[in-house]
Each structure stands twice: as C-alpha cells, then as structure tokens.
Amino acid sequence: MISEYAEYDTFKTGVSLMTPVIENTLFIGGAFQYKTTDGYLENLSSGDEG
C-alpha cells in the first residue's frame, strides 16, 4: 500500500494484492492506483486555478 501527498493538493494512493492459486506455481494479483491534483497553472482569462 502506498499513499503520498505533495504540493498543489496532489494526492496519490494505491494498493496491490497477489495470492497463490496453485501453491508455489500459479499466482493471481491485481493493483489499483488513484491520483488527483489541483495542478500548477492559473487560467488568467477567468481567474480560476486548474
């Protein structure tokens, strides 16, 4: 499992799992990751950040 927080309200989290189907022979796994950020640019025409 991983979680990070950085500048510009950047947040990232993820998790991965792996489990044996046949002991010491065949494994199955999966992963998920999510990231969101406010960015670092400012829209000068509207004043909105994004």
PDB file of N, CA and C in Angstrom:
ATOM      1  N   MET A   1       0.849  -1.174   0.000  1.00  0.00           N
ATOM      2  CA  MET A   1       0.000   0.000   0.000  1.00  0.00           C
ATOM      3  C   MET A   1       0.890   1.231   0.000  1.00  0.00           C
ATOM      4  N   ILE A   2       0.441   2.254  -0.729  1.00  0.00           N
ATOM      5  CA  ILE A   2       1.201   3.493  -0.827  1.00  0.00           C
ATOM      6  C   ILE A   2       0.247   4.680  -0.731  1.00  0.00           C
ATOM      7  N   SER A   3       0.683   5.723  -0.059  1.00  0.00           N
ATOM      8  CA  SER A   3      -0.060   6.983  -0.006  1.00  0.00           C
ATOM      9  C   SER A   3       0.940   8.125  -0.046  1.00  0.00           C
ATOM     10  N   GLU A   4       0.635   9.138  -0.844  1.00  0.00           N
ATOM     11  CA  GLU A   4       1.512  10.304  -0.957  1.00  0.00           C
ATOM     12  C   GLU A   4       0.673  11.569  -0.982  1.00  0.00           C
ATOM     13  N   TYR A   5       1.234  12.642  -0.432  1.00  0.00           N
ATOM     14  CA  TYR A   5       0.620  13.968  -0.521  1.00  0.00           C
ATOM     15  C   TYR A   5       1.727  14.944  -0.874  1.00  0.00           C
ATOM     16  N   ALA A   6       1.479  15.827  -1.841  1.00  0.00           N
ATOM     17  CA  ALA A   6       2.510  16.757  -2.291  1.00  0.00           C
ATOM     18  C   ALA A   6       1.905  18.134  -2.541  1.00  0.00           C
ATOM     19  N   GLU A   7       2.714  19.021  -3.080  1.00  0.00           N
ATOM     20  CA  GLU A   7       2.265  20.390  -3.357  1.00  0.00           C
ATOM     21  C   GLU A   7       1.121  20.409  -4.358  1.00  0.00           C
ATOM     22  N   TYR A   8       0.428  21.518  -4.417  1.00  0.00           N
ATOM     23  CA  TYR A   8      -0.733  21.745  -5.289  1.00  0.00           C
ATOM     24  C   TYR A   8      -1.858  20.751  -4.992  1.00  0.00           C
ATOM     25  N   ASP A   9      -2.007  20.380  -3.732  1.00  0.00           N
ATOM     26  CA  ASP A   9      -3.035  19.430  -3.298  1.00  0.00           C
ATOM     27  C   ASP A   9      -3.014  18.141  -4.114  1.00  0.00           C
ATOM     28  N   THR A  10      -1.828  17.649  -4.399  1.00  0.00           N
ATOM     29  CA  THR A  10      -1.671  16.387  -5.115  1.00  0.00           C
ATOM     30  C   THR A  10      -1.743  15.246  -4.104  1.00  0.00           C
ATOM     31  N   PHE A  11      -2.596  14.278  -4.395  1.00  0.00           N
ATOM     32  CA  PHE A  11      -2.770  13.123  -3.525  1.00  0.00           C
ATOM     33  C   PHE A  11      -2.740  11.871  -4.382  1.00  0.00           C
ATOM     34  N   LYS A  12      -1.974  10.872  -3.952  1.00  0.00           N
ATOM     35  CA  LYS A  12      -1.906   9.615  -4.681  1.00  0.00           C
ATOM     36  C   LYS A  12      -1.952   8.464  -3.684  1.00  0.00           C
ATOM     37  N   THR A  13      -2.733   7.454  -3.982  1.00  0.00           N
ATOM     38  CA  THR A  13      -2.807   6.265  -3.147  1.00  0.00           C
ATOM     39  C   THR A  13      -2.944   5.041  -4.039  1.00  0.00           C
ATOM     40  N   GLY A  14      -2.483   3.918  -3.551  1.00  0.00           N
ATOM     41  CA  GLY A  14      -2.566   2.694  -4.329  1.00  0.00           C
ATOM     42  C   GLY A  14      -2.402   1.471  -3.459  1.00  0.00           C
ATOM     43  N   VAL A  15      -2.838   0.352  -3.984  1.00  0.00           N
ATOM     44  CA  VAL A  15      -2.731  -0.920  -3.278  1.00  0.00           C
ATOM     45  C   VAL A  15      -2.562  -2.030  -4.307  1.00  0.00           C
ATOM     46  N   SER A  16      -1.831  -3.059  -3.941  1.00  0.00           N
ATOM     47  CA  SER A  16      -1.698  -4.225  -4.810  1.00  0.00           C
ATOM     48  C   SER A  16      -1.786  -5.486  -3.956  1.00  0.00           C
ATOM     49  N   LEU A  17      -2.330  -6.528  -4.560  1.00  0.00           N
ATOM     50  CA  LEU A  17      -2.505  -7.812  -3.886  1.00  0.00           C
ATOM     51  C   LEU A  17      -2.063  -8.937  -4.812  1.00  0.00           C
ATOM     52  N   MET A  18      -1.512  -9.999  -4.244  1.00  0.00           N
ATOM     53  CA  MET A  18      -1.178 -11.190  -5.011  1.00  0.00           C
ATOM     54  C   MET A  18      -1.396 -12.395  -4.109  1.00  0.00           C
ATOM     55  N   THR A  19      -2.003 -13.431  -4.648  1.00  0.00           N
ATOM     56  CA  THR A  19      -2.296 -14.628  -3.870  1.00  0.00           C
ATOM     57  C   THR A  19      -2.072 -15.868  -4.731  1.00  0.00           C
ATOM     58  N   PRO A  20      -1.638 -16.957  -4.122  1.00  0.00           N
ATOM     59  CA  PRO A  20      -1.414 -18.179  -4.897  1.00  0.00           C
ATOM     60  C   PRO A  20      -2.731 -18.871  -5.265  1.00  0.00           C
ATOM     61  N   VAL A  21      -2.814 -19.343  -6.500  1.00  0.00           N
ATOM     62  CA  VAL A  21      -3.930 -20.180  -6.939  1.00  0.00           C
ATOM     63  C   VAL A  21      -3.516 -21.644  -6.770  1.00  0.00           C
ATOM     64  N   ILE A  22      -2.302 -21.946  -7.223  1.00  0.00           N
ATOM     65  CA  ILE A  22      -1.685 -23.254  -7.005  1.00  0.00           C
ATOM     66  C   ILE A  22      -0.371 -22.980  -6.276  1.00  0.00           C
ATOM     67  N   GLU A  23      -0.220 -23.508  -5.083  1.00  0.00           N
ATOM     68  CA  GLU A  23       0.916 -23.198  -4.217  1.00  0.00           C
ATOM     69  C   GLU A  23       2.250 -23.345  -4.946  1.00  0.00           C
ATOM     70  N   ASN A  24       3.068 -22.273  -4.875  1.00  0.00           N
ATOM     71  CA  ASN A  24       4.410 -22.203  -5.476  1.00  0.00           C
ATOM     72  C   ASN A  24       4.427 -22.397  -6.990  1.00  0.00           C
ATOM     73  N   THR A  25       3.277 -22.274  -7.663  1.00  0.00           N
ATOM     74  CA  THR A  25       3.225 -22.489  -9.112  1.00  0.00           C
ATOM     75  C   THR A  25       2.505 -21.371  -9.846  1.00  0.00           C
ATOM     76  N   LEU A  26       1.273 -21.058  -9.441  1.00  0.00           N
ATOM     77  CA  LEU A  26       0.449 -20.092 -10.155  1.00  0.00           C
ATOM     78  C   LEU A  26      -0.105 -19.056  -9.179  1.00  0.00           C
ATOM     79  N   PHE A  27       0.101 -17.796  -9.522  1.00  0.00           N
ATOM     80  CA  PHE A  27      -0.364 -16.701  -8.683  1.00  0.00           C
ATOM     81  C   PHE A  27      -1.307 -15.813  -9.467  1.00  0.00           C
ATOM     82  N   ILE A  28      -2.187 -15.128  -8.773  1.00  0.00           N
ATOM     83  CA  ILE A  28      -3.071 -14.138  -9.380  1.00  0.00           C
ATOM     84  C   ILE A  28      -2.977 -12.869  -8.543  1.00  0.00           C
ATOM     85  N   GLY A  29      -3.039 -11.737  -9.212  1.00  0.00           N
ATOM     86  CA  GLY A  29      -2.915 -10.476  -8.485  1.00  0.00           C
ATOM     87  C   GLY A  29      -3.585  -9.333  -9.213  1.00  0.00           C
ATOM     88  N   GLY A  30      -3.638  -8.217  -8.525  1.00  0.00           N
ATOM     89  CA  GLY A  30      -4.233  -7.018  -9.096  1.00  0.00           C
ATOM     90  C   GLY A  30      -3.707  -5.788  -8.381  1.00  0.00           C
ATOM     91  N   ALA A  31      -3.902  -4.645  -9.018  1.00  0.00           N
ATOM     92  CA  ALA A  31      -3.430  -3.384  -8.445  1.00  0.00           C
ATOM     93  C   ALA A  31      -4.420  -2.278  -8.764  1.00  0.00           C
ATOM     94  N   PHE A  32      -4.457  -1.284  -7.885  1.00  0.00           N
ATOM     95  CA  PHE A  32      -5.319  -0.114  -8.046  1.00  0.00           C
ATOM     96  C   PHE A  32      -4.526   1.111  -7.644  1.00  0.00           C
ATOM     97  N   GLN A  33      -4.659   2.189  -8.422  1.00  0.00           N
ATOM     98  CA  GLN A  33      -3.999   3.440  -8.083  1.00  0.00           C
ATOM     99  C   GLN A  33      -4.923   4.604  -8.406  1.00  0.00           C
ATOM    100  N   TYR A  34      -4.941   5.605  -7.524  1.00  0.00           N
ATOM    101  CA  TYR A  34      -5.778   6.789  -7.693  1.00  0.00           C
ATOM    102  C   TYR A  34      -4.916   8.023  -7.458  1.00  0.00           C
ATOM    103  N   LYS A  35      -5.044   9.025  -8.349  1.00  0.00           N
ATOM    104  CA  LYS A  35      -4.278  10.257  -8.202  1.00  0.00           C
ATOM    105  C   LYS A  35      -5.166  11.444  -8.547  1.00  0.00           C
ATOM    106  N   THR A  36      -5.069  12.496  -7.744  1.00  0.00           N
ATOM    107  CA  THR A  36      -5.785  13.738  -8.009  1.00  0.00           C
ATOM    108  C   THR A  36      -4.863  14.906  -7.688  1.00  0.00           C
ATOM    109  N   THR A  37      -5.039  16.007  -8.414  1.00  0.00           N
ATOM    110  CA  THR A  37      -4.220  17.196  -8.194  1.00  0.00           C
ATOM    111  C   THR A  37      -4.982  18.443  -8.622  1.00  0.00           C
ATOM    112  N   ASP A  38      -4.668  19.567  -7.988  1.00  0.00           N
ATOM    113  CA  ASP A  38      -5.235  20.852  -8.391  1.00  0.00           C
ATOM    114  C   ASP A  38      -4.432  21.464  -9.533  1.00  0.00           C
ATOM    115  N   GLY A  39      -3.261  20.926  -9.803  1.00  0.00           N
ATOM    116  CA  GLY A  39      -2.414  21.448 -10.873  1.00  0.00           C
ATOM    117  C   GLY A  39      -1.621  22.652 -10.433  1.00  0.00           C
ATOM    118  N   TYR A  40      -0.851  23.189 -11.358  1.00  0.00           N
ATOM    119  CA  TYR A  40       0.000  24.323 -11.024  1.00  0.00           C
ATOM    120  C   TYR A  40      -0.185  25.493 -11.970  1.00  0.00           C
ATOM    121  N   LEU A  41      -1.212  25.457 -12.794  1.00  0.00           N
ATOM    122  CA  LEU A  41      -1.480  26.553 -13.721  1.00  0.00           C
ATOM    123  C   LEU A  41      -2.656  27.390 -13.250  1.00  0.00           C
ATOM    124  N   GLU A  42      -2.681  28.650 -13.628  1.00  0.00           N
ATOM    125  CA  GLU A  42      -3.804  29.528 -13.331  1.00  0.00           C
ATOM    126  C   GLU A  42      -4.371  30.053 -14.640  1.00  0.00           C
ATOM    127  N   ASN A  43      -5.687  29.923 -14.822  1.00  0.00           N
ATOM    128  CA  ASN A  43      -6.360  30.411 -16.017  1.00  0.00           C
ATOM    129  C   ASN A  43      -6.519  31.924 -15.871  1.00  0.00           C
ATOM    130  N   LEU A  44      -5.730  32.683 -16.626  1.00  0.00           N
ATOM    131  CA  LEU A  44      -5.715  34.139 -16.494  1.00  0.00           C
ATOM    132  C   LEU A  44      -6.975  34.795 -17.071  1.00  0.00           C
ATOM    133  N   SER A  45      -7.671  34.118 -17.983  1.00  0.00           N
ATOM    134  CA  SER A  45      -8.868  34.711 -18.573  1.00  0.00           C
ATOM    135  C   SER A  45     -10.052  34.701 -17.608  1.00  0.00           C
ATOM    136  N   SER A  46     -10.128  33.675 -16.754  1.00  0.00           N
ATOM    137  CA  SER A  46     -11.246  33.601 -15.808  1.00  0.00           C
ATOM    138  C   SER A  46     -10.816  33.769 -14.359  1.00  0.00           C
ATOM    139  N   GLY A  47      -9.519  33.606 -14.093  1.00  0.00           N
ATOM    140  CA  GLY A  47      -9.030  33.706 -12.731  1.00  0.00           C
ATOM    141  C   GLY A  47      -9.111  32.398 -11.970  1.00  0.00           C
ATOM    142  N   ASP A  48      -9.707  31.367 -12.590  1.00  0.00           N
ATOM    143  CA  ASP A  48      -9.814  30.065 -11.939  1.00  0.00           C
ATOM    144  C   ASP A  48      -8.471  29.366 -11.954  1.00  0.00           C
ATOM    145  N   GLU A  49      -8.199  28.616 -10.898  1.00  0.00           N
ATOM    146  CA  GLU A  49      -6.999  27.793 -10.857  1.00  0.00           C
ATOM    147  C   GLU A  49      -7.335  26.440 -11.463  1.00  0.00           C
ATOM    148  N   GLY A  50      -6.359  25.766 -12.038  1.00  0.00           N
ATOM    149  CA  GLY A  50      -6.619  24.437 -12.585  1.00  0.00           C
ATOM    150  C   GLY A  50      -5.574  23.916 -13.463  1.00  0.00           C
TER     151      GLY A  50
END
